[in-house]
N, C-alpha and C. Protein backbone atom coordinates (compact mmCIF):
# COMPACT_ATOMS: atom_id res chain seq x y z
N MET A 1 19.89 0.22 -1.10
CA MET A 1 19.44 0.25 0.29
C MET A 1 20.34 1.14 1.14
N LYS A 2 21.69 1.09 0.91
CA LYS A 2 22.60 1.92 1.68
C LYS A 2 22.30 3.39 1.46
N THR A 3 21.96 3.74 0.20
CA THR A 3 21.62 5.14 -0.08
C THR A 3 20.40 5.56 0.71
N GLN A 4 19.37 4.71 0.73
CA GLN A 4 18.16 5.03 1.49
C GLN A 4 18.49 5.20 2.96
N GLU A 5 19.27 4.28 3.53
CA GLU A 5 19.58 4.35 4.94
C GLU A 5 20.33 5.62 5.29
N SER A 6 21.27 6.04 4.43
CA SER A 6 22.05 7.23 4.71
C SER A 6 21.20 8.49 4.61
N VAL A 7 20.19 8.47 3.73
CA VAL A 7 19.35 9.64 3.54
C VAL A 7 18.31 9.77 4.65
N VAL A 8 17.66 8.67 4.99
CA VAL A 8 16.48 8.76 5.85
C VAL A 8 16.75 8.45 7.31
N ARG A 9 17.99 8.31 7.69
CA ARG A 9 18.28 7.97 9.08
C ARG A 9 17.59 8.93 10.04
N GLY A 10 17.52 10.19 9.68
CA GLY A 10 16.91 11.17 10.57
C GLY A 10 15.57 11.69 10.08
N TYR A 11 14.92 10.96 9.15
CA TYR A 11 13.67 11.45 8.57
C TYR A 11 12.59 10.38 8.58
N SER A 12 11.35 10.83 8.71
CA SER A 12 10.20 9.98 8.37
C SER A 12 9.78 10.40 6.97
N VAL A 13 9.35 9.42 6.17
CA VAL A 13 9.10 9.67 4.75
C VAL A 13 7.67 9.30 4.39
N GLN A 14 7.06 10.13 3.57
CA GLN A 14 5.70 9.88 3.08
C GLN A 14 5.71 10.03 1.56
N VAL A 15 5.05 9.07 0.88
CA VAL A 15 4.98 9.08 -0.58
C VAL A 15 3.51 9.01 -0.99
N GLY A 16 3.14 9.78 -2.01
CA GLY A 16 1.76 9.78 -2.45
C GLY A 16 1.63 10.07 -3.93
N HIS A 17 0.49 9.68 -4.47
CA HIS A 17 0.21 9.87 -5.89
C HIS A 17 -0.49 11.21 -6.10
N MET A 18 -0.11 11.90 -7.18
CA MET A 18 -0.71 13.18 -7.52
C MET A 18 -1.44 13.07 -8.84
N ASP A 19 -2.28 14.05 -9.13
CA ASP A 19 -2.96 14.09 -10.43
C ASP A 19 -1.93 14.26 -11.54
N GLY A 20 -2.23 13.70 -12.70
CA GLY A 20 -1.34 13.86 -13.84
C GLY A 20 -0.23 12.84 -13.91
N GLY A 21 -0.29 11.81 -13.06
CA GLY A 21 0.71 10.75 -13.13
C GLY A 21 1.98 11.01 -12.36
N SER A 22 2.01 12.06 -11.55
CA SER A 22 3.21 12.37 -10.76
C SER A 22 3.05 11.85 -9.33
N TYR A 23 4.17 11.82 -8.62
CA TYR A 23 4.20 11.43 -7.21
C TYR A 23 4.90 12.52 -6.41
N TYR A 24 4.63 12.54 -5.11
CA TYR A 24 5.40 13.41 -4.22
C TYR A 24 6.08 12.54 -3.17
N VAL A 25 7.22 13.01 -2.70
CA VAL A 25 7.96 12.36 -1.62
C VAL A 25 8.29 13.44 -0.60
N SER A 26 7.85 13.26 0.64
CA SER A 26 8.09 14.24 1.69
C SER A 26 9.00 13.65 2.76
N TYR A 27 10.00 14.43 3.16
CA TYR A 27 10.94 14.04 4.21
C TYR A 27 10.73 14.97 5.40
N LEU A 28 10.36 14.40 6.53
CA LEU A 28 10.14 15.19 7.74
C LEU A 28 11.15 14.78 8.80
N PRO A 29 12.02 15.70 9.24
CA PRO A 29 13.02 15.34 10.25
C PRO A 29 12.36 14.79 11.51
N ARG A 30 12.95 13.74 12.06
CA ARG A 30 12.45 13.17 13.32
C ARG A 30 12.90 14.08 14.46
N GLY A 31 11.97 14.40 15.37
CA GLY A 31 12.31 15.27 16.47
C GLY A 31 12.36 16.70 16.00
N LEU A 32 11.22 17.38 16.02
CA LEU A 32 11.14 18.74 15.50
C LEU A 32 11.95 19.71 16.35
N GLN A 33 12.62 20.64 15.68
CA GLN A 33 13.36 21.68 16.38
C GLN A 33 12.37 22.71 16.92
N HIS A 34 12.81 23.52 17.86
CA HIS A 34 11.95 24.53 18.45
C HIS A 34 12.59 25.91 18.32
N GLU A 35 11.76 26.87 18.01
CA GLU A 35 12.22 28.26 18.02
C GLU A 35 12.41 28.70 19.48
N ARG A 36 13.31 29.64 19.68
CA ARG A 36 13.55 30.16 21.03
C ARG A 36 13.12 31.62 21.12
N GLY A 37 12.41 31.93 22.16
CA GLY A 37 12.00 33.31 22.38
C GLY A 37 12.93 33.99 23.35
N LYS A 38 12.48 35.07 23.94
CA LYS A 38 13.28 35.77 24.92
C LYS A 38 13.52 34.85 26.12
N GLY A 39 14.74 34.89 26.64
CA GLY A 39 15.07 34.00 27.74
C GLY A 39 15.38 32.60 27.26
N ARG A 40 15.46 32.41 25.93
CA ARG A 40 15.78 31.12 25.33
C ARG A 40 14.76 30.05 25.65
N GLU A 41 13.52 30.43 25.90
CA GLU A 41 12.47 29.45 26.16
C GLU A 41 11.86 29.01 24.83
N PRO A 42 11.55 27.71 24.69
CA PRO A 42 10.96 27.23 23.43
C PRO A 42 9.57 27.82 23.22
N LYS A 43 9.31 28.28 22.00
CA LYS A 43 8.02 28.88 21.68
C LYS A 43 7.10 27.90 20.95
N ARG A 44 7.56 27.33 19.85
CA ARG A 44 6.71 26.41 19.10
C ARG A 44 7.58 25.51 18.22
N ALA A 45 7.04 24.38 17.85
CA ALA A 45 7.78 23.46 16.99
C ALA A 45 7.89 24.04 15.59
N VAL A 46 9.03 23.85 14.97
CA VAL A 46 9.26 24.31 13.61
C VAL A 46 9.32 23.08 12.70
N GLU A 47 8.33 22.93 11.85
CA GLU A 47 8.28 21.76 10.98
C GLU A 47 9.00 22.05 9.68
N LYS A 48 10.16 21.42 9.49
CA LYS A 48 10.94 21.60 8.27
C LYS A 48 10.75 20.36 7.40
N LYS A 49 9.74 20.38 6.57
CA LYS A 49 9.46 19.25 5.70
C LYS A 49 9.90 19.57 4.28
N PHE A 50 10.63 18.64 3.67
CA PHE A 50 11.11 18.83 2.31
C PHE A 50 10.32 17.91 1.38
N THR A 51 9.64 18.48 0.40
CA THR A 51 8.80 17.70 -0.50
C THR A 51 9.28 17.84 -1.93
N GLY A 52 9.46 16.70 -2.59
CA GLY A 52 9.85 16.69 -3.99
C GLY A 52 8.76 16.07 -4.84
N GLN A 53 8.65 16.50 -6.08
CA GLN A 53 7.67 15.95 -7.02
C GLN A 53 8.42 15.38 -8.22
N LEU A 54 7.95 14.22 -8.70
CA LEU A 54 8.59 13.59 -9.85
C LEU A 54 7.66 12.59 -10.51
N ARG A 55 8.00 12.20 -11.72
CA ARG A 55 7.28 11.17 -12.45
C ARG A 55 8.08 9.87 -12.40
N VAL A 56 7.43 8.78 -12.76
CA VAL A 56 8.09 7.48 -12.71
C VAL A 56 8.93 7.29 -13.97
N GLN A 57 10.19 7.65 -13.89
CA GLN A 57 11.15 7.47 -14.97
C GLN A 57 12.50 7.19 -14.33
N PRO A 58 13.35 6.38 -14.97
CA PRO A 58 14.64 6.02 -14.36
C PRO A 58 15.46 7.22 -13.91
N ASN A 59 15.50 8.26 -14.73
CA ASN A 59 16.30 9.44 -14.39
C ASN A 59 15.42 10.69 -14.25
N ALA A 60 14.23 10.49 -13.72
CA ALA A 60 13.28 11.60 -13.59
C ALA A 60 13.88 12.72 -12.73
N SER A 61 13.67 13.94 -13.15
CA SER A 61 14.12 15.07 -12.35
C SER A 61 13.16 15.25 -11.18
N VAL A 62 13.70 15.70 -10.06
CA VAL A 62 12.91 15.91 -8.85
C VAL A 62 12.77 17.41 -8.64
N LYS A 63 11.54 17.86 -8.58
CA LYS A 63 11.26 19.28 -8.36
C LYS A 63 10.98 19.49 -6.88
N TRP A 64 11.89 20.16 -6.19
CA TRP A 64 11.77 20.36 -4.75
C TRP A 64 11.06 21.66 -4.44
N GLU A 65 10.12 21.61 -3.50
CA GLU A 65 9.50 22.85 -3.01
C GLU A 65 10.53 23.67 -2.25
N ALA A 66 11.40 22.97 -1.54
CA ALA A 66 12.55 23.61 -0.89
C ALA A 66 13.66 22.57 -0.87
N ARG A 67 14.87 22.98 -1.24
CA ARG A 67 15.98 22.02 -1.30
C ARG A 67 16.26 21.44 0.09
N PRO A 68 16.35 20.12 0.21
CA PRO A 68 16.64 19.53 1.52
C PRO A 68 18.08 19.76 1.96
N THR A 69 18.94 20.14 1.02
CA THR A 69 20.35 20.41 1.35
C THR A 69 20.94 21.32 0.28
N ASN A 70 21.93 22.08 0.65
CA ASN A 70 22.62 22.95 -0.32
C ASN A 70 23.82 22.25 -0.95
N ASP A 71 24.14 21.07 -0.46
CA ASP A 71 25.25 20.30 -1.00
C ASP A 71 24.76 19.48 -2.19
N ASP A 72 25.32 19.70 -3.35
CA ASP A 72 24.86 19.02 -4.57
C ASP A 72 24.99 17.50 -4.47
N LYS A 73 26.04 17.02 -3.83
CA LYS A 73 26.23 15.58 -3.69
C LYS A 73 25.14 14.98 -2.79
N ASP A 74 24.86 15.67 -1.68
CA ASP A 74 23.80 15.19 -0.79
C ASP A 74 22.44 15.30 -1.46
N LEU A 75 22.24 16.35 -2.26
CA LEU A 75 20.97 16.52 -2.96
C LEU A 75 20.73 15.36 -3.93
N GLU A 76 21.78 14.91 -4.61
CA GLU A 76 21.62 13.79 -5.54
C GLU A 76 21.25 12.51 -4.78
N ARG A 77 21.72 12.37 -3.56
CA ARG A 77 21.31 11.22 -2.74
C ARG A 77 19.81 11.27 -2.46
N PHE A 78 19.33 12.46 -2.14
CA PHE A 78 17.88 12.62 -1.94
C PHE A 78 17.13 12.31 -3.23
N ASN A 79 17.64 12.80 -4.36
CA ASN A 79 17.00 12.55 -5.65
C ASN A 79 16.92 11.05 -5.94
N ASP A 80 18.04 10.34 -5.73
CA ASP A 80 18.07 8.89 -5.98
C ASP A 80 17.11 8.16 -5.05
N ASP A 81 17.09 8.59 -3.79
CA ASP A 81 16.20 7.97 -2.82
C ASP A 81 14.74 8.17 -3.21
N ALA A 82 14.40 9.38 -3.63
CA ALA A 82 13.02 9.68 -4.03
C ALA A 82 12.62 8.85 -5.25
N ARG A 83 13.52 8.75 -6.23
CA ARG A 83 13.22 7.97 -7.43
C ARG A 83 12.96 6.51 -7.09
N LEU A 84 13.79 5.95 -6.21
CA LEU A 84 13.66 4.54 -5.85
C LEU A 84 12.35 4.28 -5.11
N ARG A 85 11.99 5.18 -4.19
CA ARG A 85 10.74 5.01 -3.45
C ARG A 85 9.54 5.10 -4.38
N VAL A 86 9.55 6.06 -5.29
CA VAL A 86 8.43 6.22 -6.21
C VAL A 86 8.32 5.01 -7.15
N LYS A 87 9.45 4.54 -7.66
CA LYS A 87 9.44 3.37 -8.54
C LYS A 87 8.87 2.15 -7.82
N THR A 88 9.29 1.94 -6.57
CA THR A 88 8.82 0.80 -5.79
C THR A 88 7.33 0.89 -5.53
N LEU A 89 6.87 2.08 -5.14
CA LEU A 89 5.44 2.26 -4.87
C LEU A 89 4.63 2.12 -6.15
N HIS A 90 5.11 2.68 -7.25
CA HIS A 90 4.37 2.63 -8.50
C HIS A 90 4.16 1.18 -8.96
N GLU A 91 5.19 0.36 -8.85
CA GLU A 91 5.06 -1.04 -9.25
C GLU A 91 4.03 -1.77 -8.39
N TRP A 92 4.05 -1.52 -7.10
CA TRP A 92 3.12 -2.16 -6.17
C TRP A 92 1.69 -1.68 -6.43
N LEU A 93 1.50 -0.38 -6.59
CA LEU A 93 0.15 0.14 -6.81
C LEU A 93 -0.40 -0.28 -8.18
N THR A 94 0.48 -0.44 -9.16
CA THR A 94 0.02 -0.91 -10.47
C THR A 94 -0.60 -2.30 -10.36
N ASN A 95 0.09 -3.20 -9.67
CA ASN A 95 -0.45 -4.55 -9.46
C ASN A 95 -1.71 -4.52 -8.60
N LEU A 96 -1.68 -3.70 -7.56
CA LEU A 96 -2.80 -3.65 -6.63
C LEU A 96 -4.04 -3.01 -7.26
N ASN A 97 -3.85 -1.91 -7.98
CA ASN A 97 -4.98 -1.27 -8.65
C ASN A 97 -5.61 -2.19 -9.69
N GLY A 98 -4.77 -2.95 -10.40
CA GLY A 98 -5.29 -3.91 -11.37
C GLY A 98 -6.15 -4.96 -10.70
N LEU A 99 -5.71 -5.43 -9.53
CA LEU A 99 -6.49 -6.42 -8.78
C LEU A 99 -7.82 -5.83 -8.33
N VAL A 100 -7.79 -4.65 -7.74
CA VAL A 100 -9.00 -4.01 -7.23
C VAL A 100 -10.00 -3.77 -8.36
N GLU A 101 -9.52 -3.30 -9.50
CA GLU A 101 -10.41 -3.04 -10.64
C GLU A 101 -11.05 -4.33 -11.14
N SER A 102 -10.28 -5.41 -11.22
CA SER A 102 -10.83 -6.69 -11.67
C SER A 102 -11.87 -7.21 -10.70
N VAL A 103 -11.53 -7.24 -9.42
CA VAL A 103 -12.45 -7.75 -8.41
C VAL A 103 -13.72 -6.90 -8.34
N GLN A 104 -13.55 -5.60 -8.43
CA GLN A 104 -14.72 -4.71 -8.39
C GLN A 104 -15.65 -4.99 -9.57
N GLY A 105 -15.08 -5.17 -10.75
CA GLY A 105 -15.89 -5.47 -11.93
C GLY A 105 -16.62 -6.79 -11.80
N TRP A 106 -15.91 -7.83 -11.34
CA TRP A 106 -16.55 -9.14 -11.18
C TRP A 106 -17.67 -9.07 -10.14
N ALA A 107 -17.39 -8.41 -9.03
CA ALA A 107 -18.38 -8.33 -7.96
C ALA A 107 -19.64 -7.61 -8.43
N GLN A 108 -19.48 -6.52 -9.16
CA GLN A 108 -20.63 -5.78 -9.65
C GLN A 108 -21.44 -6.61 -10.64
N GLU A 109 -20.76 -7.39 -11.48
CA GLU A 109 -21.46 -8.27 -12.41
C GLU A 109 -22.27 -9.33 -11.66
N LEU A 110 -21.79 -9.70 -10.47
CA LEU A 110 -22.48 -10.71 -9.66
C LEU A 110 -23.53 -10.11 -8.73
N GLY A 111 -23.74 -8.80 -8.85
CA GLY A 111 -24.79 -8.15 -8.08
C GLY A 111 -24.37 -7.57 -6.75
N TRP A 112 -23.08 -7.50 -6.49
CA TRP A 112 -22.59 -6.92 -5.24
C TRP A 112 -22.36 -5.42 -5.43
N SER A 113 -22.63 -4.65 -4.39
CA SER A 113 -22.25 -3.24 -4.41
C SER A 113 -20.82 -3.13 -3.91
N THR A 114 -20.09 -2.13 -4.40
CA THR A 114 -18.67 -2.02 -4.05
C THR A 114 -18.31 -0.57 -3.73
N LYS A 115 -17.24 -0.43 -2.97
CA LYS A 115 -16.72 0.90 -2.65
C LYS A 115 -15.22 0.81 -2.42
N VAL A 116 -14.45 1.60 -3.16
CA VAL A 116 -13.01 1.66 -2.97
C VAL A 116 -12.68 2.62 -1.83
N ILE A 117 -11.87 2.18 -0.89
CA ILE A 117 -11.42 3.03 0.21
C ILE A 117 -9.89 3.01 0.23
N GLN A 118 -9.30 3.89 1.01
CA GLN A 118 -7.84 3.97 1.10
C GLN A 118 -7.37 3.49 2.47
N LYS A 119 -6.32 2.69 2.46
CA LYS A 119 -5.73 2.18 3.69
C LYS A 119 -4.34 2.78 3.89
N ALA A 120 -4.09 3.30 5.07
CA ALA A 120 -2.76 3.81 5.39
C ALA A 120 -1.81 2.64 5.62
N MET A 121 -0.65 2.68 4.96
CA MET A 121 0.32 1.60 5.08
C MET A 121 1.71 2.18 5.29
N ASP A 122 2.64 1.30 5.67
CA ASP A 122 4.01 1.73 5.88
C ASP A 122 4.95 0.64 5.38
N ASP A 123 6.03 1.06 4.75
CA ASP A 123 6.97 0.13 4.13
C ASP A 123 8.37 0.71 4.29
N SER A 124 9.31 -0.10 4.71
CA SER A 124 10.66 0.40 4.96
C SER A 124 11.33 0.92 3.70
N GLN A 125 10.94 0.41 2.51
CA GLN A 125 11.55 0.85 1.27
C GLN A 125 10.75 1.95 0.57
N ILE A 126 9.59 2.27 1.11
CA ILE A 126 8.75 3.33 0.52
C ILE A 126 8.56 4.47 1.49
N GLY A 127 8.17 4.15 2.72
CA GLY A 127 7.74 5.14 3.69
C GLY A 127 6.27 4.91 3.96
N SER A 128 5.59 5.89 4.49
CA SER A 128 4.15 5.77 4.68
C SER A 128 3.43 6.19 3.39
N TYR A 129 2.34 5.50 3.10
CA TYR A 129 1.60 5.76 1.87
C TYR A 129 0.18 5.22 2.03
N LYS A 130 -0.64 5.42 1.03
CA LYS A 130 -2.00 4.89 1.05
C LYS A 130 -2.21 3.95 -0.13
N ALA A 131 -2.94 2.88 0.13
CA ALA A 131 -3.20 1.88 -0.90
C ALA A 131 -4.69 1.58 -0.95
N PRO A 132 -5.20 1.19 -2.12
CA PRO A 132 -6.65 0.94 -2.24
C PRO A 132 -7.07 -0.38 -1.61
N ALA A 133 -8.22 -0.35 -0.95
CA ALA A 133 -8.90 -1.54 -0.45
C ALA A 133 -10.31 -1.50 -1.03
N LEU A 134 -11.03 -2.60 -0.92
CA LEU A 134 -12.35 -2.66 -1.55
C LEU A 134 -13.37 -3.28 -0.61
N LEU A 135 -14.46 -2.55 -0.40
CA LEU A 135 -15.60 -3.06 0.37
C LEU A 135 -16.64 -3.62 -0.59
N LEU A 136 -17.16 -4.81 -0.27
CA LEU A 136 -18.19 -5.42 -1.09
C LEU A 136 -19.38 -5.79 -0.20
N GLN A 137 -20.58 -5.63 -0.73
CA GLN A 137 -21.76 -5.99 0.05
C GLN A 137 -22.87 -6.50 -0.85
N GLU A 138 -23.51 -7.59 -0.40
CA GLU A 138 -24.72 -8.09 -1.04
C GLU A 138 -25.69 -8.41 0.08
N GLU A 139 -26.82 -7.72 0.09
CA GLU A 139 -27.79 -7.83 1.18
C GLU A 139 -27.07 -7.57 2.50
N THR A 140 -27.01 -8.52 3.42
CA THR A 140 -26.37 -8.27 4.71
C THR A 140 -24.95 -8.83 4.79
N THR A 141 -24.46 -9.40 3.70
CA THR A 141 -23.10 -9.96 3.69
C THR A 141 -22.11 -8.90 3.24
N ARG A 142 -21.10 -8.66 4.07
CA ARG A 142 -20.09 -7.67 3.75
C ARG A 142 -18.70 -8.32 3.74
N VAL A 143 -17.91 -7.96 2.76
CA VAL A 143 -16.58 -8.54 2.58
C VAL A 143 -15.59 -7.40 2.34
N LEU A 144 -14.38 -7.56 2.86
CA LEU A 144 -13.33 -6.55 2.69
C LEU A 144 -12.14 -7.18 1.99
N LEU A 145 -11.70 -6.56 0.90
CA LEU A 145 -10.46 -6.92 0.21
C LEU A 145 -9.40 -5.92 0.68
N GLU A 146 -8.43 -6.38 1.45
CA GLU A 146 -7.49 -5.48 2.12
C GLU A 146 -6.04 -5.81 1.79
N PRO A 147 -5.27 -4.84 1.29
CA PRO A 147 -3.83 -5.08 1.07
C PRO A 147 -3.11 -5.27 2.40
N ILE A 148 -2.22 -6.26 2.46
CA ILE A 148 -1.52 -6.58 3.69
C ILE A 148 -0.05 -6.19 3.62
N THR A 149 0.63 -6.60 2.56
CA THR A 149 2.05 -6.28 2.44
C THR A 149 2.47 -6.30 0.98
N ARG A 150 3.46 -5.50 0.66
CA ARG A 150 3.96 -5.40 -0.71
C ARG A 150 4.88 -6.57 -1.08
N MET A 151 5.53 -7.17 -0.10
CA MET A 151 6.54 -8.16 -0.41
C MET A 151 6.61 -9.24 0.67
N THR A 152 6.73 -10.49 0.24
CA THR A 152 7.02 -11.61 1.13
C THR A 152 8.11 -12.44 0.46
N PRO A 153 8.71 -13.39 1.17
CA PRO A 153 9.73 -14.23 0.53
C PRO A 153 9.22 -14.99 -0.69
N ALA A 154 7.90 -15.23 -0.74
CA ALA A 154 7.34 -16.05 -1.82
C ALA A 154 6.51 -15.27 -2.82
N SER A 155 6.30 -13.98 -2.59
CA SER A 155 5.41 -13.24 -3.50
C SER A 155 5.74 -11.76 -3.53
N ASN A 156 5.17 -11.08 -4.52
CA ASN A 156 5.30 -9.63 -4.64
C ASN A 156 3.99 -8.96 -4.29
N GLY A 157 3.47 -9.32 -3.14
CA GLY A 157 2.24 -8.70 -2.66
C GLY A 157 1.25 -9.71 -2.11
N VAL A 158 0.63 -9.35 -0.99
CA VAL A 158 -0.40 -10.19 -0.38
C VAL A 158 -1.60 -9.31 -0.04
N VAL A 159 -2.79 -9.80 -0.39
CA VAL A 159 -4.05 -9.12 -0.11
C VAL A 159 -4.98 -10.15 0.50
N ASP A 160 -5.64 -9.80 1.61
CA ASP A 160 -6.56 -10.74 2.27
C ASP A 160 -8.01 -10.38 1.99
N LEU A 161 -8.84 -11.40 2.05
CA LEU A 161 -10.28 -11.24 1.84
C LEU A 161 -10.96 -11.66 3.14
N TYR A 162 -11.64 -10.71 3.79
CA TYR A 162 -12.25 -10.94 5.08
C TYR A 162 -13.78 -10.94 4.99
N LEU A 163 -14.37 -11.76 5.82
CA LEU A 163 -15.80 -11.70 6.03
C LEU A 163 -16.05 -10.80 7.23
N MET A 164 -16.83 -9.75 7.03
CA MET A 164 -17.06 -8.79 8.11
C MET A 164 -18.42 -9.06 8.76
N PRO A 165 -18.61 -8.55 10.01
CA PRO A 165 -17.71 -7.64 10.75
C PRO A 165 -16.67 -8.35 11.61
N ALA A 166 -16.64 -9.67 11.58
CA ALA A 166 -15.73 -10.40 12.46
C ALA A 166 -14.30 -10.44 11.94
N TYR A 167 -14.07 -9.95 10.72
CA TYR A 167 -12.75 -9.99 10.10
C TYR A 167 -12.20 -11.41 10.05
N GLU A 168 -13.07 -12.34 9.68
CA GLU A 168 -12.63 -13.72 9.51
C GLU A 168 -11.82 -13.83 8.22
N ASP A 169 -10.59 -14.31 8.35
CA ASP A 169 -9.67 -14.41 7.22
C ASP A 169 -10.02 -15.66 6.42
N ILE A 170 -10.77 -15.50 5.33
CA ILE A 170 -11.26 -16.62 4.55
C ILE A 170 -10.38 -16.94 3.36
N ALA A 171 -9.83 -15.93 2.72
CA ALA A 171 -9.01 -16.14 1.54
C ALA A 171 -7.85 -15.16 1.52
N SER A 172 -6.77 -15.57 0.89
CA SER A 172 -5.61 -14.72 0.74
C SER A 172 -5.18 -14.73 -0.72
N LEU A 173 -4.84 -13.58 -1.25
CA LEU A 173 -4.40 -13.46 -2.63
C LEU A 173 -2.93 -13.06 -2.65
N ALA A 174 -2.16 -13.74 -3.46
CA ALA A 174 -0.73 -13.46 -3.56
C ALA A 174 -0.33 -13.28 -5.02
N PHE A 175 0.60 -12.35 -5.26
CA PHE A 175 1.05 -12.08 -6.62
C PHE A 175 2.41 -12.74 -6.85
N TYR A 176 2.45 -13.72 -7.74
CA TYR A 176 3.70 -14.36 -8.15
C TYR A 176 3.49 -14.98 -9.53
N ASP A 177 4.59 -15.28 -10.20
CA ASP A 177 4.53 -15.77 -11.59
C ASP A 177 3.71 -14.83 -12.47
N LYS A 178 3.84 -13.51 -12.19
CA LYS A 178 3.21 -12.45 -12.98
C LYS A 178 1.69 -12.48 -12.97
N LYS A 179 1.10 -13.09 -11.93
CA LYS A 179 -0.36 -13.09 -11.84
C LYS A 179 -0.78 -13.25 -10.38
N TRP A 180 -2.03 -12.93 -10.10
CA TRP A 180 -2.58 -13.10 -8.77
C TRP A 180 -3.11 -14.52 -8.62
N HIS A 181 -2.85 -15.10 -7.44
CA HIS A 181 -3.35 -16.43 -7.09
C HIS A 181 -4.18 -16.31 -5.82
N ILE A 182 -5.20 -17.15 -5.70
CA ILE A 182 -6.06 -17.11 -4.53
C ILE A 182 -5.88 -18.38 -3.70
N HIS A 183 -5.65 -18.19 -2.41
CA HIS A 183 -5.54 -19.29 -1.45
C HIS A 183 -6.82 -19.28 -0.63
N TYR A 184 -7.53 -20.40 -0.65
CA TYR A 184 -8.86 -20.39 -0.03
C TYR A 184 -9.09 -21.65 0.79
N LEU A 185 -9.67 -21.46 1.97
CA LEU A 185 -10.14 -22.56 2.80
C LEU A 185 -11.59 -22.31 3.18
N LYS A 186 -12.34 -23.37 3.29
CA LYS A 186 -13.70 -23.22 3.79
C LYS A 186 -13.64 -22.71 5.23
N PRO A 187 -14.59 -21.87 5.63
CA PRO A 187 -14.54 -21.26 6.96
C PRO A 187 -14.30 -22.25 8.09
N GLN A 188 -14.91 -23.42 8.01
CA GLN A 188 -14.77 -24.39 9.08
C GLN A 188 -13.37 -25.00 9.16
N ASP A 189 -12.56 -24.81 8.08
CA ASP A 189 -11.22 -25.38 8.05
C ASP A 189 -10.13 -24.38 8.39
N VAL A 190 -10.49 -23.09 8.50
CA VAL A 190 -9.48 -22.06 8.73
C VAL A 190 -8.74 -22.27 10.04
N ALA A 191 -9.45 -22.69 11.09
CA ALA A 191 -8.82 -22.89 12.39
C ALA A 191 -7.86 -24.07 12.39
N ILE A 192 -8.03 -24.99 11.45
CA ILE A 192 -7.21 -26.19 11.39
C ILE A 192 -5.91 -25.93 10.64
N ALA A 193 -6.01 -25.23 9.53
CA ALA A 193 -4.83 -24.92 8.70
C ALA A 193 -4.77 -23.43 8.43
N GLY A 194 -3.57 -22.90 8.38
CA GLY A 194 -3.42 -21.47 8.09
C GLY A 194 -3.90 -21.16 6.69
N ILE A 195 -4.50 -19.99 6.52
CA ILE A 195 -5.09 -19.65 5.23
C ILE A 195 -4.06 -19.64 4.12
N ARG A 196 -2.85 -19.22 4.41
CA ARG A 196 -1.83 -19.17 3.36
C ARG A 196 -1.21 -20.53 3.07
N GLU A 197 -1.60 -21.55 3.87
CA GLU A 197 -1.17 -22.91 3.60
C GLU A 197 -2.16 -23.61 2.68
N ALA A 198 -3.26 -22.98 2.38
CA ALA A 198 -4.27 -23.59 1.53
C ALA A 198 -3.78 -23.72 0.10
N GLN A 199 -4.33 -24.67 -0.61
CA GLN A 199 -3.99 -24.84 -2.01
C GLN A 199 -4.42 -23.61 -2.79
N SER A 200 -3.59 -23.18 -3.72
CA SER A 200 -3.89 -21.97 -4.46
C SER A 200 -4.30 -22.29 -5.88
N LYS A 201 -4.96 -21.33 -6.51
CA LYS A 201 -5.31 -21.43 -7.92
C LYS A 201 -5.26 -20.02 -8.50
N PRO A 202 -5.02 -19.89 -9.80
CA PRO A 202 -4.99 -18.56 -10.40
C PRO A 202 -6.32 -17.84 -10.15
N LEU A 203 -6.23 -16.56 -9.84
CA LEU A 203 -7.44 -15.78 -9.60
C LEU A 203 -8.17 -15.54 -10.92
N SER A 204 -9.46 -15.80 -10.91
CA SER A 204 -10.30 -15.57 -12.08
C SER A 204 -11.69 -15.20 -11.58
N LYS A 205 -12.55 -14.81 -12.49
CA LYS A 205 -13.92 -14.50 -12.10
C LYS A 205 -14.59 -15.73 -11.50
N THR A 206 -14.30 -16.91 -12.07
CA THR A 206 -14.91 -18.15 -11.57
C THR A 206 -14.44 -18.48 -10.16
N SER A 207 -13.11 -18.45 -9.94
CA SER A 207 -12.60 -18.78 -8.60
C SER A 207 -13.03 -17.74 -7.58
N PHE A 208 -13.11 -16.49 -7.99
CA PHE A 208 -13.56 -15.44 -7.08
C PHE A 208 -15.03 -15.62 -6.72
N ARG A 209 -15.85 -15.95 -7.71
CA ARG A 209 -17.26 -16.17 -7.45
C ARG A 209 -17.47 -17.33 -6.46
N GLN A 210 -16.69 -18.39 -6.59
CA GLN A 210 -16.81 -19.52 -5.68
C GLN A 210 -16.53 -19.11 -4.25
N VAL A 211 -15.50 -18.27 -4.07
CA VAL A 211 -15.17 -17.81 -2.73
C VAL A 211 -16.28 -16.93 -2.17
N LEU A 212 -16.82 -16.02 -2.98
CA LEU A 212 -17.90 -15.16 -2.51
C LEU A 212 -19.12 -15.98 -2.11
N GLU A 213 -19.45 -17.00 -2.89
CA GLU A 213 -20.60 -17.84 -2.57
C GLU A 213 -20.39 -18.58 -1.25
N GLU A 214 -19.17 -19.06 -1.02
CA GLU A 214 -18.85 -19.73 0.25
C GLU A 214 -18.98 -18.75 1.42
N MET A 215 -18.47 -17.54 1.21
CA MET A 215 -18.53 -16.55 2.28
C MET A 215 -19.96 -16.16 2.60
N LYS A 216 -20.76 -15.99 1.55
CA LYS A 216 -22.15 -15.64 1.77
C LYS A 216 -22.90 -16.75 2.47
N SER A 217 -22.62 -18.00 2.10
CA SER A 217 -23.25 -19.13 2.76
C SER A 217 -22.87 -19.21 4.22
N HIS A 218 -21.57 -18.93 4.50
CA HIS A 218 -21.09 -18.97 5.89
C HIS A 218 -21.72 -17.85 6.71
N ALA A 219 -21.86 -16.67 6.09
CA ALA A 219 -22.45 -15.54 6.81
C ALA A 219 -23.90 -15.79 7.14
N GLY A 220 -24.58 -16.55 6.26
CA GLY A 220 -26.00 -16.82 6.49
C GLY A 220 -26.23 -17.87 7.54
């Protein structure tokens, strides 16, 4: 964490997935500098963004489009920071993509249409990035599976299931004990108890189907 703080104190960071299993990490200085014209008047903002590309490996080499520093020691700090951010994002997206793929398959088997969309997110240990969400629809009932956070004190990821268009929080999914669990309350009970206080059960096609049926009944 100290390495990250020392590197990014003056930067905003963006991480993204590339084709071929690689990732990119971009560092953009906060507060863009300005070029000066005649009379020392500012002409336009100069965007100095440093982008590195790497694969998910403990000692993966980072290929920079432009070196963020000419100091080898400082450059290694950037390399370490980029590796840590990519590793953290990769672990989160692996769990999240597995969830989305499972839910999408179950929903389609149950006759729901589905569409994967991307949600912009931000994480202090990653930077800004995009994560998959899933839209589901059967007749006039629409449901959104939306990633909320990568980490909580009790889990390694939380994803909520909403009944649209009111965004009623009906179920919450949390990753712990190496599997996803679903916390569910009947719609009429949500106002009485918090959704994450509901009793949980391991996520399965059966438990997911029960929640969808409840949501569809409530929507009707």
